[in-house]
Amino acid sequence: MSELDADITEANITEDRLLDGRVILRQPRDGFRAGIDSVLLAAAVPAIDGVMVLEPGAGVGAAALCLAARVPGCRIAGLELQPELVRLGRENIQLNGAETVVQMTEGDLTQPPAHLTPGSFDHVMMNPPFLAAGRVHAPTDPSRAASHVEGAAGLADWLDFALKMLRPKGSVTLIHRADRLDEALAALTGVTGEIVVFPLWPGHGSSGQAGKPAKRVIIRARKDIRAPTRLAPGLVLHQVDGSYTTEADAILRGARLEI
């Protein structure tokens, strides 16, 4: 058993629900836990029936299963570095009856499996580690640290991998920290077009003060396309009382996110 596997035992696994209960998700109680980011990411991918989608860093399959629930006619390949998350991801695929839609492979995007052929995917979606190595204190939980803090591959490496895997005019969609937007745009500029930056606004505070700054953004770009970058209005997540806005609630229940 590897260090990353050591703390992910059956007693440390919870069974949760996404998309208003339509997606069953077994995941570590104390490691990286999928939630609203995975749902929003899947909702933003412009997939239709018949397309091929790749998700590097697929975790336990949360985003892949949310996309499969919305577009059951697409095909999704998940790539995940941590063996125990791959095991849970495969269990989740079976629990959700998604065996014909989603496949999960153990592997490293810096040395991808041979069956992931460059230029063969219509879309790539990803939720890369948010924190740059060396700039933060890594979480003590090994699995959480691997999911939150970059390892051998930085953000530019994730995007380079995504673009290599895409067909011409295919799209890459990622969710990331707003304070790393400059890095993402630098990696995308010149090789993609039709870049859209979509802020996720937290909403107003409980006392009704002005809206809070966006800490997360969704970014989408298309390979080999010449079109200007666009800043979208974004999505306000919470109302003054802390509940989800009508628009956010619809996304969390399975609606597509139009960006």
Foldseek 3Di string as FASTA:
>chain_A
DDLLCVPQDPVQWDWDAFLVRLAIAIDGNPADDDDLQLLQQLLAFPDEAPFEEEEEQCFLPSNVVLNCVQHVRAAYEYEHADVVSLVNNVVRCVVNVNVVHYDYDYDDLVDDDPVLAFQRGQEYEYEAAAAEPPPDDADPNVRNSPRRYDDPDDPLSVVVSRLRSHHAFGKYKYKYFPVCVVVNCVSAPPFWAQKEKAFEWQEAELVRDDTDDGGMIMIMTTGPDHYHYYYDPHHHAAYNNGHGDPVSVVSRNRHRDDD
